[in-house]
Amino acid sequence: MGRRALRKIDSKIDLSAHLKTLHQLPRPWDLAGLFGRAAPLQVEVGSGKGLFLRQSAAALPEMDFLGVEVARKYAAYAAAGLAKQGLRNAVVVHGDAVRLFAEWLPDESVTAVHIYFPDPWWKARHKKRRVMRESLVRDVQRTLQPGGSLHFWTDVEEYFQTTLELLAAKTTLLGPLPVPETPAEDDMAYRTHFERRVRLANEPVYRAEFHKGRGA
């Protein structure tokens, strides 16, 4: 299921506080330098149009949210949505999530990681491009705080099963914990735009949650 065309971003919107590149992130890592404060941080890999970031940042103002999106036009679109709503506790990074975790995020610096509907890279020769790979899941475990959580959803059963096997083999994260599907209370009561499209088409969504043990 491919992505749909984006609406044009209003050129008057100032994206400077909400859109960054990897190399604009502070090194060494400094949440106060990025958000103007040090608050619990959640990271979304593959932010798409930014629905999860907007809803979460609005619902949880005491938390900070960092989205990472490899497609620049989608990163800019998501950042524009945050800017329009004045959500200063969320930032979108245009760049590679694997590099973000490996090179920027310190140990035990994240309370939750969200990975929703990543590109499945269907062809066998392309599966090495999948974001759910050994290096990333190891860095997810490393960067999660004890008690922190990983949320993984996909509409591809094979990708779901191979990811569960990968996490079991390469991490000590606790799970998978089942995540029940809840009824949508309104037209946008979905975690991402992609989830909305899949569920409206009556197609299955595979969900799992993992926790980092307190002694891990």
N, C-alpha and C. Protein backbone atom coordinates (compact mmCIF):
# COMPACT_ATOMS: atom_id res chain seq x y z
N MET A 1 0.85 -1.18 0.00
CA MET A 1 0.00 0.00 0.00
C MET A 1 0.89 1.23 0.00
N GLY A 2 0.97 1.94 -1.11
CA GLY A 2 1.89 3.05 -1.24
C GLY A 2 1.39 4.31 -0.57
N ARG A 3 2.26 5.29 -0.50
CA ARG A 3 1.90 6.56 0.11
C ARG A 3 1.15 7.44 -0.89
N ARG A 4 0.23 8.25 -0.37
CA ARG A 4 -0.51 9.16 -1.21
C ARG A 4 0.19 10.50 -1.29
N ALA A 5 -0.18 11.27 -2.32
CA ALA A 5 0.44 12.58 -2.51
C ALA A 5 0.13 13.49 -1.31
N LEU A 6 1.10 14.34 -0.98
CA LEU A 6 0.94 15.26 0.14
C LEU A 6 0.38 16.60 -0.33
N ARG A 7 -0.33 17.25 0.55
CA ARG A 7 -0.75 18.61 0.28
C ARG A 7 0.46 19.53 0.36
N LYS A 8 0.39 20.63 -0.34
CA LYS A 8 1.50 21.59 -0.34
C LYS A 8 1.60 22.27 1.01
N ILE A 9 2.82 22.43 1.50
CA ILE A 9 3.06 23.08 2.78
C ILE A 9 3.01 24.59 2.59
N ASP A 10 2.31 25.27 3.47
CA ASP A 10 2.24 26.73 3.44
C ASP A 10 3.65 27.30 3.65
N SER A 11 4.11 28.08 2.69
CA SER A 11 5.47 28.62 2.75
C SER A 11 5.67 29.59 3.91
N LYS A 12 4.58 30.05 4.52
CA LYS A 12 4.69 31.00 5.62
C LYS A 12 4.97 30.31 6.95
N ILE A 13 4.85 28.99 6.98
CA ILE A 13 5.08 28.26 8.23
C ILE A 13 6.57 28.16 8.51
N ASP A 14 6.98 28.54 9.69
CA ASP A 14 8.38 28.46 10.11
C ASP A 14 8.65 27.06 10.66
N LEU A 15 9.47 26.30 9.94
CA LEU A 15 9.76 24.92 10.34
C LEU A 15 11.02 24.80 11.20
N SER A 16 11.70 25.89 11.45
CA SER A 16 13.04 25.82 12.04
C SER A 16 13.06 25.14 13.41
N ALA A 17 12.01 25.28 14.19
CA ALA A 17 12.00 24.67 15.53
C ALA A 17 11.56 23.22 15.50
N HIS A 18 10.98 22.79 14.39
CA HIS A 18 10.38 21.45 14.34
C HIS A 18 11.00 20.50 13.34
N LEU A 19 11.84 20.99 12.44
CA LEU A 19 12.47 20.15 11.43
C LEU A 19 13.98 20.28 11.53
N LYS A 20 14.65 19.15 11.72
CA LYS A 20 16.10 19.13 11.83
C LYS A 20 16.66 18.05 10.91
N THR A 21 17.93 18.16 10.59
CA THR A 21 18.66 17.06 9.98
C THR A 21 19.46 16.37 11.08
N LEU A 22 19.97 15.19 10.78
CA LEU A 22 20.79 14.50 11.78
C LEU A 22 21.93 15.38 12.27
N HIS A 23 22.57 16.07 11.36
CA HIS A 23 23.76 16.83 11.74
C HIS A 23 23.43 18.14 12.45
N GLN A 24 22.15 18.47 12.55
CA GLN A 24 21.75 19.62 13.36
C GLN A 24 21.43 19.21 14.79
N LEU A 25 21.44 17.92 15.07
CA LEU A 25 21.18 17.46 16.43
C LEU A 25 22.42 17.70 17.30
N PRO A 26 22.21 18.00 18.57
CA PRO A 26 23.35 18.30 19.44
C PRO A 26 24.24 17.08 19.68
N ARG A 27 25.54 17.30 19.63
CA ARG A 27 26.52 16.28 19.98
C ARG A 27 27.56 16.93 20.87
N PRO A 28 27.75 16.46 22.08
CA PRO A 28 27.06 15.32 22.69
C PRO A 28 25.56 15.60 22.88
N TRP A 29 24.81 14.52 23.06
CA TRP A 29 23.36 14.60 23.15
C TRP A 29 22.93 15.53 24.27
N ASP A 30 21.97 16.41 23.96
CA ASP A 30 21.54 17.40 24.93
C ASP A 30 20.07 17.72 24.67
N LEU A 31 19.17 17.15 25.48
CA LEU A 31 17.74 17.38 25.29
C LEU A 31 17.38 18.84 25.49
N ALA A 32 18.03 19.51 26.43
CA ALA A 32 17.73 20.92 26.66
C ALA A 32 18.10 21.75 25.43
N GLY A 33 19.15 21.35 24.74
CA GLY A 33 19.53 22.06 23.53
C GLY A 33 18.56 21.85 22.39
N LEU A 34 17.82 20.75 22.42
CA LEU A 34 16.89 20.43 21.34
C LEU A 34 15.47 20.90 21.66
N PHE A 35 15.03 20.70 22.90
CA PHE A 35 13.66 21.01 23.27
C PHE A 35 13.54 22.18 24.25
N GLY A 36 14.68 22.68 24.73
CA GLY A 36 14.62 23.76 25.70
C GLY A 36 14.35 23.29 27.11
N ARG A 37 14.38 21.97 27.31
CA ARG A 37 14.16 21.40 28.63
C ARG A 37 14.63 19.95 28.60
N ALA A 38 14.71 19.32 29.76
CA ALA A 38 15.03 17.90 29.87
C ALA A 38 13.80 17.19 30.38
N ALA A 39 13.10 16.51 29.50
CA ALA A 39 11.88 15.77 29.84
C ALA A 39 12.00 14.35 29.31
N PRO A 40 11.17 13.42 29.78
CA PRO A 40 11.19 12.06 29.22
C PRO A 40 10.99 12.09 27.71
N LEU A 41 11.77 11.26 27.02
CA LEU A 41 11.79 11.29 25.55
C LEU A 41 11.23 10.00 24.97
N GLN A 42 10.35 10.14 23.96
CA GLN A 42 9.89 9.02 23.17
C GLN A 42 10.31 9.25 21.72
N VAL A 43 10.64 8.17 21.02
CA VAL A 43 11.14 8.26 19.65
C VAL A 43 10.24 7.46 18.73
N GLU A 44 9.86 8.07 17.60
CA GLU A 44 9.11 7.36 16.57
C GLU A 44 9.98 7.18 15.35
N VAL A 45 10.10 5.96 14.88
CA VAL A 45 10.87 5.64 13.68
C VAL A 45 9.90 5.58 12.50
N GLY A 46 10.10 6.47 11.53
CA GLY A 46 9.23 6.52 10.37
C GLY A 46 7.96 7.30 10.66
N SER A 47 8.06 8.61 10.75
CA SER A 47 6.95 9.44 11.21
C SER A 47 5.88 9.71 10.16
N GLY A 48 6.20 9.48 8.88
CA GLY A 48 5.20 9.69 7.84
C GLY A 48 4.63 11.09 7.88
N LYS A 49 3.30 11.20 7.87
CA LYS A 49 2.64 12.50 7.88
C LYS A 49 2.58 13.13 9.28
N GLY A 50 2.99 12.39 10.29
CA GLY A 50 3.11 12.98 11.61
C GLY A 50 1.90 12.88 12.51
N LEU A 51 0.92 12.03 12.18
CA LEU A 51 -0.28 11.92 13.02
C LEU A 51 0.06 11.48 14.44
N PHE A 52 0.89 10.45 14.57
CA PHE A 52 1.25 9.98 15.91
C PHE A 52 1.94 11.08 16.71
N LEU A 53 2.87 11.78 16.09
CA LEU A 53 3.60 12.83 16.80
C LEU A 53 2.64 13.93 17.26
N ARG A 54 1.74 14.36 16.39
CA ARG A 54 0.82 15.45 16.74
C ARG A 54 -0.10 15.03 17.88
N GLN A 55 -0.69 13.87 17.75
CA GLN A 55 -1.62 13.44 18.79
C GLN A 55 -0.92 13.20 20.12
N SER A 56 0.24 12.58 20.06
CA SER A 56 0.95 12.25 21.30
C SER A 56 1.50 13.49 21.99
N ALA A 57 2.07 14.41 21.20
CA ALA A 57 2.62 15.63 21.79
C ALA A 57 1.52 16.48 22.42
N ALA A 58 0.35 16.50 21.79
CA ALA A 58 -0.77 17.27 22.34
C ALA A 58 -1.32 16.61 23.61
N ALA A 59 -1.37 15.28 23.62
CA ALA A 59 -1.95 14.56 24.75
C ALA A 59 -1.01 14.48 25.94
N LEU A 60 0.30 14.51 25.68
CA LEU A 60 1.30 14.32 26.74
C LEU A 60 2.30 15.48 26.74
N PRO A 61 1.88 16.67 27.17
CA PRO A 61 2.79 17.82 27.13
C PRO A 61 3.99 17.69 28.04
N GLU A 62 3.92 16.77 29.00
CA GLU A 62 5.05 16.56 29.91
C GLU A 62 6.15 15.71 29.28
N MET A 63 5.87 15.14 28.10
CA MET A 63 6.83 14.31 27.38
C MET A 63 7.38 15.07 26.17
N ASP A 64 8.58 14.68 25.73
CA ASP A 64 9.12 15.16 24.46
C ASP A 64 9.11 14.01 23.46
N PHE A 65 8.90 14.34 22.18
CA PHE A 65 8.80 13.35 21.12
C PHE A 65 9.75 13.71 19.99
N LEU A 66 10.51 12.71 19.56
CA LEU A 66 11.44 12.87 18.44
C LEU A 66 11.04 11.89 17.36
N GLY A 67 10.64 12.39 16.21
CA GLY A 67 10.32 11.54 15.08
C GLY A 67 11.46 11.56 14.08
N VAL A 68 11.72 10.44 13.45
CA VAL A 68 12.76 10.38 12.43
C VAL A 68 12.14 9.81 11.17
N GLU A 69 12.36 10.52 10.05
CA GLU A 69 11.74 10.16 8.77
C GLU A 69 12.77 10.33 7.66
N VAL A 70 12.97 9.26 6.87
CA VAL A 70 14.00 9.27 5.83
C VAL A 70 13.60 10.08 4.60
N ALA A 71 12.29 10.22 4.35
CA ALA A 71 11.83 10.98 3.18
C ALA A 71 11.66 12.45 3.58
N ARG A 72 12.43 13.33 2.93
CA ARG A 72 12.42 14.73 3.39
C ARG A 72 11.05 15.38 3.27
N LYS A 73 10.32 15.11 2.18
CA LYS A 73 9.02 15.78 2.02
C LYS A 73 8.04 15.37 3.12
N TYR A 74 8.13 14.13 3.58
CA TYR A 74 7.28 13.70 4.67
C TYR A 74 7.75 14.28 6.00
N ALA A 75 9.05 14.36 6.19
CA ALA A 75 9.57 14.98 7.41
C ALA A 75 9.11 16.43 7.50
N ALA A 76 9.19 17.15 6.39
CA ALA A 76 8.76 18.55 6.37
C ALA A 76 7.26 18.67 6.61
N TYR A 77 6.49 17.77 6.01
CA TYR A 77 5.04 17.80 6.20
C TYR A 77 4.68 17.56 7.67
N ALA A 78 5.32 16.57 8.28
CA ALA A 78 5.05 16.28 9.69
C ALA A 78 5.46 17.47 10.57
N ALA A 79 6.60 18.08 10.26
CA ALA A 79 7.05 19.24 11.03
C ALA A 79 6.09 20.41 10.88
N ALA A 80 5.53 20.59 9.68
CA ALA A 80 4.57 21.68 9.46
C ALA A 80 3.33 21.48 10.32
N GLY A 81 2.88 20.23 10.44
CA GLY A 81 1.72 19.95 11.29
C GLY A 81 1.99 20.29 12.75
N LEU A 82 3.19 20.00 13.23
CA LEU A 82 3.56 20.34 14.59
C LEU A 82 3.62 21.86 14.77
N ALA A 83 4.21 22.53 13.78
CA ALA A 83 4.33 23.99 13.87
C ALA A 83 2.96 24.66 13.88
N LYS A 84 2.04 24.19 13.04
CA LYS A 84 0.70 24.79 12.98
C LYS A 84 -0.03 24.66 14.31
N GLN A 85 0.22 23.58 15.04
CA GLN A 85 -0.43 23.38 16.33
C GLN A 85 0.38 23.93 17.49
N GLY A 86 1.54 24.50 17.20
CA GLY A 86 2.36 25.07 18.25
C GLY A 86 2.87 24.06 19.25
N LEU A 87 3.17 22.85 18.79
CA LEU A 87 3.61 21.76 19.67
C LEU A 87 5.13 21.79 19.78
N ARG A 88 5.62 22.46 20.79
CA ARG A 88 7.06 22.63 20.95
C ARG A 88 7.74 21.41 21.56
N ASN A 89 6.97 20.43 21.97
CA ASN A 89 7.55 19.23 22.58
C ASN A 89 7.71 18.09 21.58
N ALA A 90 7.74 18.42 20.30
CA ALA A 90 7.97 17.41 19.26
C ALA A 90 8.81 17.99 18.15
N VAL A 91 9.75 17.18 17.68
CA VAL A 91 10.68 17.56 16.61
C VAL A 91 10.78 16.40 15.64
N VAL A 92 10.86 16.71 14.35
CA VAL A 92 11.05 15.69 13.32
C VAL A 92 12.47 15.81 12.77
N VAL A 93 13.14 14.69 12.66
CA VAL A 93 14.48 14.64 12.09
C VAL A 93 14.42 14.00 10.72
N HIS A 94 14.94 14.69 9.72
CA HIS A 94 15.07 14.09 8.39
C HIS A 94 16.38 13.32 8.37
N GLY A 95 16.28 11.99 8.29
CA GLY A 95 17.50 11.19 8.27
C GLY A 95 17.22 9.72 8.52
N ASP A 96 18.28 8.99 8.69
CA ASP A 96 18.26 7.53 8.84
C ASP A 96 18.14 7.17 10.32
N ALA A 97 17.09 6.43 10.66
CA ALA A 97 16.87 6.06 12.05
C ALA A 97 18.00 5.18 12.59
N VAL A 98 18.55 4.32 11.75
CA VAL A 98 19.64 3.45 12.20
C VAL A 98 20.83 4.29 12.67
N ARG A 99 21.14 5.34 11.93
CA ARG A 99 22.23 6.23 12.33
C ARG A 99 21.88 7.03 13.57
N LEU A 100 20.65 7.49 13.67
CA LEU A 100 20.22 8.25 14.85
C LEU A 100 20.47 7.45 16.11
N PHE A 101 20.03 6.19 16.11
CA PHE A 101 20.20 5.36 17.29
C PHE A 101 21.67 5.03 17.54
N ALA A 102 22.41 4.72 16.50
CA ALA A 102 23.79 4.27 16.66
C ALA A 102 24.73 5.41 17.05
N GLU A 103 24.50 6.61 16.51
CA GLU A 103 25.50 7.67 16.64
C GLU A 103 25.10 8.81 17.56
N TRP A 104 23.82 8.96 17.87
CA TRP A 104 23.39 10.11 18.67
C TRP A 104 22.80 9.73 20.03
N LEU A 105 21.91 8.75 20.08
CA LEU A 105 21.16 8.50 21.31
C LEU A 105 22.01 7.76 22.34
N PRO A 106 22.16 8.30 23.53
CA PRO A 106 22.97 7.66 24.56
C PRO A 106 22.25 6.46 25.19
N ASP A 107 23.00 5.71 25.97
CA ASP A 107 22.42 4.60 26.72
C ASP A 107 21.30 5.10 27.64
N GLU A 108 20.22 4.33 27.71
CA GLU A 108 19.12 4.57 28.65
C GLU A 108 18.62 6.01 28.62
N SER A 109 18.41 6.53 27.40
CA SER A 109 17.97 7.91 27.24
C SER A 109 16.54 8.05 26.74
N VAL A 110 15.87 6.92 26.47
CA VAL A 110 14.56 6.94 25.82
C VAL A 110 13.56 6.13 26.65
N THR A 111 12.36 6.64 26.81
CA THR A 111 11.34 5.91 27.57
C THR A 111 10.52 4.98 26.70
N ALA A 112 10.38 5.30 25.41
CA ALA A 112 9.61 4.44 24.51
C ALA A 112 10.08 4.65 23.08
N VAL A 113 10.04 3.58 22.30
CA VAL A 113 10.33 3.61 20.86
C VAL A 113 9.10 3.08 20.14
N HIS A 114 8.67 3.82 19.12
CA HIS A 114 7.48 3.47 18.35
C HIS A 114 7.87 3.23 16.90
N ILE A 115 7.55 2.06 16.39
CA ILE A 115 7.85 1.72 14.98
C ILE A 115 6.57 1.16 14.37
N TYR A 116 5.92 1.99 13.56
CA TYR A 116 4.61 1.64 13.01
C TYR A 116 4.68 1.53 11.49
N PHE A 117 4.34 0.36 10.99
CA PHE A 117 4.21 0.12 9.55
C PHE A 117 5.46 0.52 8.75
N PRO A 118 6.62 0.01 9.14
CA PRO A 118 7.83 0.30 8.35
C PRO A 118 7.75 -0.36 6.98
N ASP A 119 8.48 0.20 6.04
CA ASP A 119 8.51 -0.35 4.67
C ASP A 119 8.94 -1.81 4.73
N PRO A 120 8.13 -2.74 4.18
CA PRO A 120 8.49 -4.16 4.28
C PRO A 120 9.55 -4.60 3.29
N TRP A 121 9.85 -3.77 2.28
CA TRP A 121 10.83 -4.17 1.26
C TRP A 121 10.57 -5.61 0.82
N TRP A 122 9.54 -5.79 0.02
CA TRP A 122 9.02 -7.10 -0.31
C TRP A 122 10.02 -8.05 -0.98
N LYS A 123 10.80 -7.55 -1.93
CA LYS A 123 11.69 -8.43 -2.68
C LYS A 123 12.79 -8.99 -1.79
N ALA A 124 13.12 -10.26 -1.99
CA ALA A 124 14.11 -10.92 -1.13
C ALA A 124 15.44 -10.18 -1.12
N ARG A 125 15.85 -9.68 -2.28
CA ARG A 125 17.16 -9.02 -2.34
C ARG A 125 17.15 -7.64 -1.66
N HIS A 126 15.96 -7.13 -1.35
CA HIS A 126 15.85 -5.82 -0.72
C HIS A 126 15.60 -5.89 0.79
N LYS A 127 15.36 -7.09 1.32
CA LYS A 127 14.98 -7.20 2.73
C LYS A 127 16.08 -6.72 3.67
N LYS A 128 17.32 -6.70 3.20
CA LYS A 128 18.40 -6.19 4.03
C LYS A 128 18.22 -4.70 4.33
N ARG A 129 17.34 -4.03 3.57
CA ARG A 129 17.09 -2.61 3.79
C ARG A 129 16.08 -2.37 4.91
N ARG A 130 15.43 -3.39 5.38
CA ARG A 130 14.43 -3.22 6.43
C ARG A 130 15.03 -2.53 7.66
N VAL A 131 14.25 -1.64 8.25
CA VAL A 131 14.74 -0.94 9.42
C VAL A 131 14.86 -1.87 10.62
N MET A 132 14.00 -2.88 10.69
CA MET A 132 14.09 -3.85 11.78
C MET A 132 15.19 -4.85 11.46
N ARG A 133 16.38 -4.50 11.90
CA ARG A 133 17.58 -5.31 11.66
C ARG A 133 18.34 -5.44 12.97
N GLU A 134 19.35 -6.30 12.97
CA GLU A 134 20.05 -6.58 14.22
C GLU A 134 20.63 -5.33 14.86
N SER A 135 21.29 -4.48 14.07
CA SER A 135 21.93 -3.31 14.66
C SER A 135 20.91 -2.38 15.32
N LEU A 136 19.75 -2.19 14.69
CA LEU A 136 18.76 -1.28 15.27
C LEU A 136 18.16 -1.86 16.54
N VAL A 137 17.76 -3.13 16.53
CA VAL A 137 17.10 -3.66 17.72
C VAL A 137 18.06 -3.70 18.91
N ARG A 138 19.34 -3.93 18.64
CA ARG A 138 20.31 -3.87 19.74
C ARG A 138 20.42 -2.45 20.30
N ASP A 139 20.39 -1.45 19.39
CA ASP A 139 20.45 -0.06 19.85
C ASP A 139 19.17 0.37 20.53
N VAL A 140 18.04 -0.16 20.10
CA VAL A 140 16.79 0.12 20.81
C VAL A 140 16.90 -0.36 22.25
N GLN A 141 17.36 -1.59 22.44
CA GLN A 141 17.53 -2.09 23.80
C GLN A 141 18.52 -1.25 24.59
N ARG A 142 19.61 -0.87 23.97
CA ARG A 142 20.64 -0.08 24.66
C ARG A 142 20.11 1.29 25.09
N THR A 143 19.33 1.94 24.23
CA THR A 143 18.89 3.31 24.50
C THR A 143 17.65 3.37 25.38
N LEU A 144 16.88 2.29 25.47
CA LEU A 144 15.71 2.31 26.33
C LEU A 144 16.11 2.34 27.81
N GLN A 145 15.38 3.12 28.57
CA GLN A 145 15.55 3.10 30.01
C GLN A 145 14.95 1.82 30.58
N PRO A 146 15.42 1.34 31.72
CA PRO A 146 14.78 0.19 32.35
C PRO A 146 13.28 0.46 32.55
N GLY A 147 12.47 -0.49 32.13
CA GLY A 147 11.03 -0.29 32.17
C GLY A 147 10.48 0.35 30.91
N GLY A 148 11.36 0.78 30.00
CA GLY A 148 10.93 1.40 28.76
C GLY A 148 10.32 0.39 27.80
N SER A 149 9.67 0.88 26.75
CA SER A 149 8.90 -0.01 25.88
C SER A 149 9.20 0.22 24.40
N LEU A 150 9.08 -0.86 23.64
CA LEU A 150 9.14 -0.84 22.18
C LEU A 150 7.77 -1.25 21.65
N HIS A 151 7.22 -0.44 20.76
CA HIS A 151 5.93 -0.71 20.14
C HIS A 151 6.16 -0.94 18.64
N PHE A 152 5.80 -2.12 18.17
CA PHE A 152 6.01 -2.48 16.76
C PHE A 152 4.70 -2.96 16.15
N TRP A 153 4.28 -2.29 15.06
CA TRP A 153 3.06 -2.66 14.34
C TRP A 153 3.38 -2.77 12.86
N THR A 154 2.74 -3.71 12.19
CA THR A 154 2.88 -3.84 10.74
C THR A 154 1.63 -4.53 10.20
N ASP A 155 1.39 -4.34 8.91
CA ASP A 155 0.29 -5.06 8.26
C ASP A 155 0.81 -6.25 7.47
N VAL A 156 2.08 -6.58 7.62
CA VAL A 156 2.70 -7.69 6.89
C VAL A 156 3.04 -8.79 7.89
N GLU A 157 2.32 -9.89 7.83
CA GLU A 157 2.49 -10.96 8.82
C GLU A 157 3.90 -11.53 8.80
N GLU A 158 4.48 -11.72 7.62
CA GLU A 158 5.84 -12.27 7.54
C GLU A 158 6.85 -11.34 8.22
N TYR A 159 6.70 -10.03 8.01
CA TYR A 159 7.60 -9.05 8.63
C TYR A 159 7.42 -9.10 10.15
N PHE A 160 6.19 -9.23 10.59
CA PHE A 160 5.90 -9.31 12.02
C PHE A 160 6.59 -10.52 12.64
N GLN A 161 6.44 -11.68 12.03
CA GLN A 161 7.01 -12.91 12.59
C GLN A 161 8.53 -12.88 12.59
N THR A 162 9.13 -12.42 11.50
CA THR A 162 10.59 -12.37 11.45
C THR A 162 11.15 -11.35 12.44
N THR A 163 10.40 -10.28 12.70
CA THR A 163 10.84 -9.30 13.69
C THR A 163 10.75 -9.87 15.09
N LEU A 164 9.70 -10.61 15.39
CA LEU A 164 9.62 -11.25 16.70
C LEU A 164 10.78 -12.22 16.91
N GLU A 165 11.12 -12.96 15.86
CA GLU A 165 12.25 -13.89 15.94
C GLU A 165 13.56 -13.13 16.14
N LEU A 166 13.72 -12.02 15.44
CA LEU A 166 14.92 -11.20 15.57
C LEU A 166 15.06 -10.65 16.99
N LEU A 167 13.99 -10.12 17.53
CA LEU A 167 14.04 -9.57 18.88
C LEU A 167 14.33 -10.66 19.92
N ALA A 168 13.77 -11.84 19.73
CA ALA A 168 14.03 -12.94 20.66
C ALA A 168 15.48 -13.39 20.61
N ALA A 169 16.06 -13.38 19.41
CA ALA A 169 17.42 -13.88 19.24
C ALA A 169 18.49 -12.86 19.62
N LYS A 170 18.22 -11.57 19.41
CA LYS A 170 19.27 -10.56 19.52
C LYS A 170 19.09 -9.59 20.68
N THR A 171 17.99 -9.67 21.42
CA THR A 171 17.79 -8.79 22.57
C THR A 171 17.27 -9.60 23.74
N THR A 172 17.23 -8.96 24.90
CA THR A 172 16.61 -9.56 26.07
C THR A 172 15.34 -8.81 26.46
N LEU A 173 14.76 -8.09 25.51
CA LEU A 173 13.52 -7.38 25.78
C LEU A 173 12.42 -8.39 26.12
N LEU A 174 11.54 -8.01 27.00
CA LEU A 174 10.47 -8.89 27.47
C LEU A 174 9.25 -8.74 26.57
N GLY A 175 8.80 -9.84 26.01
CA GLY A 175 7.65 -9.80 25.11
C GLY A 175 7.75 -10.95 24.13
N PRO A 176 6.86 -10.98 23.14
CA PRO A 176 5.90 -9.90 22.83
C PRO A 176 4.68 -9.93 23.73
N LEU A 177 4.24 -8.74 24.12
CA LEU A 177 2.99 -8.58 24.83
C LEU A 177 1.91 -8.25 23.82
N PRO A 178 0.74 -8.86 23.91
CA PRO A 178 -0.32 -8.58 22.94
C PRO A 178 -0.86 -7.16 23.10
N VAL A 179 -1.25 -6.57 21.99
CA VAL A 179 -1.83 -5.23 21.98
C VAL A 179 -3.20 -5.33 21.33
N PRO A 180 -4.27 -5.23 22.09
CA PRO A 180 -5.60 -5.39 21.51
C PRO A 180 -5.96 -4.24 20.58
N GLU A 181 -6.74 -4.53 19.56
CA GLU A 181 -7.23 -3.49 18.66
C GLU A 181 -8.44 -2.83 19.30
N THR A 182 -8.43 -1.51 19.39
CA THR A 182 -9.53 -0.78 20.00
C THR A 182 -10.36 -0.10 18.92
N PRO A 183 -11.66 0.02 19.14
CA PRO A 183 -12.51 0.69 18.15
C PRO A 183 -12.11 2.16 18.01
N ALA A 184 -12.20 2.68 16.79
CA ALA A 184 -11.90 4.09 16.55
C ALA A 184 -13.11 4.94 16.96
N GLU A 185 -12.87 5.92 17.83
CA GLU A 185 -13.97 6.75 18.31
C GLU A 185 -14.36 7.83 17.31
N ASP A 186 -13.45 8.18 16.41
CA ASP A 186 -13.76 9.15 15.37
C ASP A 186 -12.88 8.86 14.17
N ASP A 187 -13.00 9.68 13.14
CA ASP A 187 -12.34 9.40 11.86
C ASP A 187 -10.82 9.45 11.94
N MET A 188 -10.28 10.10 12.94
CA MET A 188 -8.83 10.19 13.05
C MET A 188 -8.31 9.54 14.33
N ALA A 189 -9.11 8.67 14.93
CA ALA A 189 -8.70 8.01 16.17
C ALA A 189 -7.86 6.77 15.85
N TYR A 190 -6.77 7.00 15.15
CA TYR A 190 -5.84 5.95 14.77
C TYR A 190 -4.44 6.42 15.14
N ARG A 191 -3.54 5.48 15.34
CA ARG A 191 -2.19 5.87 15.74
C ARG A 191 -1.43 6.54 14.58
N THR A 192 -1.64 6.06 13.37
CA THR A 192 -1.00 6.67 12.20
C THR A 192 -2.00 6.71 11.05
N HIS A 193 -1.70 7.52 10.04
CA HIS A 193 -2.54 7.54 8.84
C HIS A 193 -2.55 6.16 8.17
N PHE A 194 -1.43 5.47 8.22
CA PHE A 194 -1.37 4.16 7.57
C PHE A 194 -2.28 3.17 8.28
N GLU A 195 -2.30 3.22 9.61
CA GLU A 195 -3.21 2.34 10.34
C GLU A 195 -4.65 2.62 9.92
N ARG A 196 -4.99 3.89 9.78
CA ARG A 196 -6.36 4.24 9.38
C ARG A 196 -6.70 3.61 8.03
N ARG A 197 -5.81 3.72 7.06
CA ARG A 197 -6.06 3.17 5.74
C ARG A 197 -6.23 1.65 5.78
N VAL A 198 -5.36 0.99 6.53
CA VAL A 198 -5.40 -0.47 6.61
C VAL A 198 -6.69 -0.94 7.27
N ARG A 199 -7.06 -0.31 8.38
CA ARG A 199 -8.25 -0.76 9.10
C ARG A 199 -9.53 -0.44 8.35
N LEU A 200 -9.58 0.71 7.66
CA LEU A 200 -10.77 1.03 6.87
C LEU A 200 -10.93 0.06 5.70
N ALA A 201 -9.81 -0.53 5.26
CA ALA A 201 -9.86 -1.53 4.20
C ALA A 201 -10.11 -2.93 4.76
N ASN A 202 -10.34 -3.02 6.07
CA ASN A 202 -10.61 -4.30 6.75
C ASN A 202 -9.46 -5.29 6.58
N GLU A 203 -8.24 -4.78 6.61
CA GLU A 203 -7.06 -5.63 6.54
C GLU A 203 -6.45 -5.76 7.94
N PRO A 204 -5.78 -6.87 8.23
CA PRO A 204 -5.27 -7.09 9.60
C PRO A 204 -4.05 -6.23 9.92
N VAL A 205 -3.92 -5.91 11.19
CA VAL A 205 -2.75 -5.22 11.71
C VAL A 205 -2.15 -6.12 12.80
N TYR A 206 -0.85 -6.34 12.72
CA TYR A 206 -0.14 -7.17 13.69
C TYR A 206 0.61 -6.24 14.65
N ARG A 207 0.33 -6.41 15.94
CA ARG A 207 0.86 -5.49 16.94
C ARG A 207 1.58 -6.25 18.05
N ALA A 208 2.65 -5.66 18.55
CA ALA A 208 3.34 -6.24 19.71
C ALA A 208 4.02 -5.14 20.51
N GLU A 209 4.17 -5.39 21.79
CA GLU A 209 4.86 -4.46 22.68
C GLU A 209 5.91 -5.25 23.45
N PHE A 210 7.07 -4.63 23.64
CA PHE A 210 8.17 -5.23 24.39
C PHE A 210 8.60 -4.26 25.48
N HIS A 211 9.07 -4.81 26.59
CA HIS A 211 9.56 -3.98 27.70
C HIS A 211 11.01 -4.34 28.01
N LYS A 212 11.74 -3.35 28.46
CA LYS A 212 13.10 -3.59 28.94
C LYS A 212 13.05 -3.85 30.43
N GLY A 213 13.60 -4.97 30.85
CA GLY A 213 13.57 -5.32 32.25
C GLY A 213 14.35 -4.35 33.11
N ARG A 214 13.97 -4.26 34.35
CA ARG A 214 14.62 -3.31 35.28
C ARG A 214 16.09 -3.64 35.50
N GLY A 215 16.44 -4.90 35.38
CA GLY A 215 17.84 -5.25 35.59
C GLY A 215 18.62 -5.44 34.33
N ALA A 216 18.03 -5.09 33.18
CA ALA A 216 18.69 -5.33 31.89
C ALA A 216 19.74 -4.27 31.61
